[in-house]
């Protein structure tokens, strides 16, 4: 599966703050992953990403599935706002 997104470098304090805001380990859990950062000028960014070395990272994964859709629960607005800041 390929997912396009944003990669941030966080301090230990900010990493912990994100975890607390999302209720880790109750609402979400941390999952290690490998990412391929985009390199480019905005016109060709991502075209050669898979030819670059993978970078270790973490992502948040829902600890539960939605009872109505049976899919992962999306991130909260508070989490999105914290990351955007």
C-alpha atoms as a PDB file:
ATOM      1  CA  UNK A   1       0.000   0.000   0.000  1.00  0.00           C
ATOM      2  CA  UNK A   2       1.246   3.453  -0.891  1.00  0.00           C
ATOM      3  CA  UNK A   3       0.097   6.393   1.178  1.00  0.00           C
ATOM      4  CA  UNK A   4       1.059   9.967   0.436  1.00  0.00           C
ATOM      5  CA  UNK A   5       1.369  12.285   3.403  1.00  0.00           C
ATOM      6  CA  UNK A   6       3.552  14.575   5.432  1.00  0.00           C
ATOM      7  CA  UNK A   7       6.630  13.598   7.410  1.00  0.00           C
ATOM      8  CA  UNK A   8       7.570  15.629  10.482  1.00  0.00           C
ATOM      9  CA  UNK A   9      10.572  15.521  12.754  1.00  0.00           C
ATOM     10  CA  UNK A  10       9.329  15.869  16.331  1.00  0.00           C
ATOM     11  CA  UNK A  11      11.143  16.430  19.584  1.00  0.00           C
ATOM     12  CA  UNK A  12      10.618  13.794  22.273  1.00  0.00           C
ATOM     13  CA  UNK A  13       8.259  16.185  24.076  1.00  0.00           C
ATOM     14  CA  UNK A  14       6.187  16.825  20.944  1.00  0.00           C
ATOM     15  CA  UNK A  15       6.096  13.092  20.143  1.00  0.00           C
ATOM     16  CA  UNK A  16       4.755  12.436  23.652  1.00  0.00           C
ATOM     17  CA  UNK A  17       2.262  15.324  23.284  1.00  0.00           C
ATOM     18  CA  UNK A  18       0.864  13.836  20.075  1.00  0.00           C
ATOM     19  CA  UNK A  19       0.547  10.446  21.774  1.00  0.00           C
ATOM     20  CA  UNK A  20      -1.294  11.921  24.752  1.00  0.00           C
ATOM     21  CA  UNK A  21      -3.628  13.964  22.535  1.00  0.00           C
ATOM     22  CA  UNK A  22      -4.678  10.804  20.697  1.00  0.00           C
ATOM     23  CA  UNK A  23      -5.032   8.614  23.769  1.00  0.00           C
ATOM     24  CA  UNK A  24      -2.153   6.250  22.999  1.00  0.00           C
ATOM     25  CA  UNK A  25      -2.457   3.324  23.722  1.00  0.00           C
ATOM     26  CA  UNK A  26      -6.236   3.422  24.165  1.00  0.00           C
ATOM     27  CA  UNK A  27      -7.563   5.174  21.040  1.00  0.00           C
ATOM     28  CA  UNK A  28      -4.503   4.829  18.825  1.00  0.00           C
ATOM     29  CA  UNK A  29      -1.206   2.984  18.878  1.00  0.00           C
ATOM     30  CA  UNK A  30       2.179   3.807  17.396  1.00  0.00           C
ATOM     31  CA  UNK A  31       3.270   1.638  14.492  1.00  0.00           C
ATOM     32  CA  UNK A  32       6.721   1.687  12.970  1.00  0.00           C
ATOM     33  CA  UNK A  33       6.897   2.150   9.233  1.00  0.00           C
ATOM     34  CA  UNK A  34       9.347   2.952   6.461  1.00  0.00           C
ATOM     35  CA  UNK A  35       8.798   6.064   4.359  1.00  0.00           C
ATOM     36  CA  UNK A  36      10.325   7.386   1.164  1.00  0.00           C
ATOM     37  CA  UNK A  37      10.560  11.188   1.340  1.00  0.00           C
ATOM     38  CA  UNK A  38       9.762  13.174  -1.764  1.00  0.00           C
ATOM     39  CA  UNK A  39      12.700  14.923  -3.319  1.00  0.00           C
ATOM     40  CA  UNK A  40      12.175  17.548  -5.959  1.00  0.00           C
ATOM     41  CA  UNK A  41      11.020  20.999  -6.851  1.00  0.00           C
ATOM     42  CA  UNK A  42       7.265  20.479  -6.549  1.00  0.00           C
ATOM     43  CA  UNK A  43       6.845  19.595 -10.209  1.00  0.00           C
ATOM     44  CA  UNK A  44       8.557  16.232 -10.060  1.00  0.00           C
ATOM     45  CA  UNK A  45       8.431  15.632  -6.312  1.00  0.00           C
ATOM     46  CA  UNK A  46       7.779  11.981  -5.653  1.00  0.00           C
ATOM     47  CA  UNK A  47       8.806  10.786  -9.115  1.00  0.00           C
ATOM     48  CA  UNK A  48      12.028   9.324  -7.777  1.00  0.00           C
ATOM     49  CA  UNK A  49      10.980   8.765  -4.161  1.00  0.00           C
ATOM     50  CA  UNK A  50      11.100   4.964  -4.318  1.00  0.00           C
ATOM     51  CA  UNK A  51      14.654   5.079  -5.649  1.00  0.00           C
ATOM     52  CA  UNK A  52      15.762   6.827  -2.423  1.00  0.00           C
ATOM     53  CA  UNK A  53      16.692   5.190   0.872  1.00  0.00           C
ATOM     54  CA  UNK A  54      13.754   4.510   3.199  1.00  0.00           C
ATOM     55  CA  UNK A  55      13.537   6.520   6.416  1.00  0.00           C
ATOM     56  CA  UNK A  56      12.249   4.901   9.636  1.00  0.00           C
ATOM     57  CA  UNK A  57       9.172   6.629  11.024  1.00  0.00           C
ATOM     58  CA  UNK A  58       6.081   6.116  13.161  1.00  0.00           C
ATOM     59  CA  UNK A  59       2.428   6.466  12.297  1.00  0.00           C
ATOM     60  CA  UNK A  60      -0.676   6.342  14.457  1.00  0.00           C
ATOM     61  CA  UNK A  61      -3.039   3.444  13.843  1.00  0.00           C
ATOM     62  CA  UNK A  62      -6.496   3.166  15.336  1.00  0.00           C
ATOM     63  CA  UNK A  63      -6.789   0.652  18.157  1.00  0.00           C
ATOM     64  CA  UNK A  64     -10.411   0.086  17.154  1.00  0.00           C
ATOM     65  CA  UNK A  65     -12.553  -0.175  14.062  1.00  0.00           C
ATOM     66  CA  UNK A  66     -15.603   2.010  13.570  1.00  0.00           C
ATOM     67  CA  UNK A  67     -18.738   0.132  14.608  1.00  0.00           C
ATOM     68  CA  UNK A  68     -20.627   1.490  11.592  1.00  0.00           C
ATOM     69  CA  UNK A  69     -18.063   1.279   8.781  1.00  0.00           C
ATOM     70  CA  UNK A  70     -15.741  -1.440  10.162  1.00  0.00           C
ATOM     71  CA  UNK A  71     -12.804   0.732   9.045  1.00  0.00           C
ATOM     72  CA  UNK A  72     -10.073   2.486  10.995  1.00  0.00           C
ATOM     73  CA  UNK A  73     -11.239   5.555  12.880  1.00  0.00           C
ATOM     74  CA  UNK A  74      -9.771   8.733  11.316  1.00  0.00           C
ATOM     75  CA  UNK A  75      -7.566  11.104  13.343  1.00  0.00           C
ATOM     76  CA  UNK A  76      -9.255  13.656  15.554  1.00  0.00           C
ATOM     77  CA  UNK A  77      -9.516  17.340  14.645  1.00  0.00           C
ATOM     78  CA  UNK A  78      -7.349  18.133  17.693  1.00  0.00           C
ATOM     79  CA  UNK A  79      -4.563  15.893  16.341  1.00  0.00           C
ATOM     80  CA  UNK A  80      -4.766  17.448  12.893  1.00  0.00           C
ATOM     81  CA  UNK A  81      -4.619  20.945  14.376  1.00  0.00           C
ATOM     82  CA  UNK A  82      -1.629  19.999  16.564  1.00  0.00           C
ATOM     83  CA  UNK A  83       0.304  18.664  13.567  1.00  0.00           C
ATOM     84  CA  UNK A  84      -0.542  21.678  11.384  1.00  0.00           C
ATOM     85  CA  UNK A  85       0.853  24.095  14.012  1.00  0.00           C
END
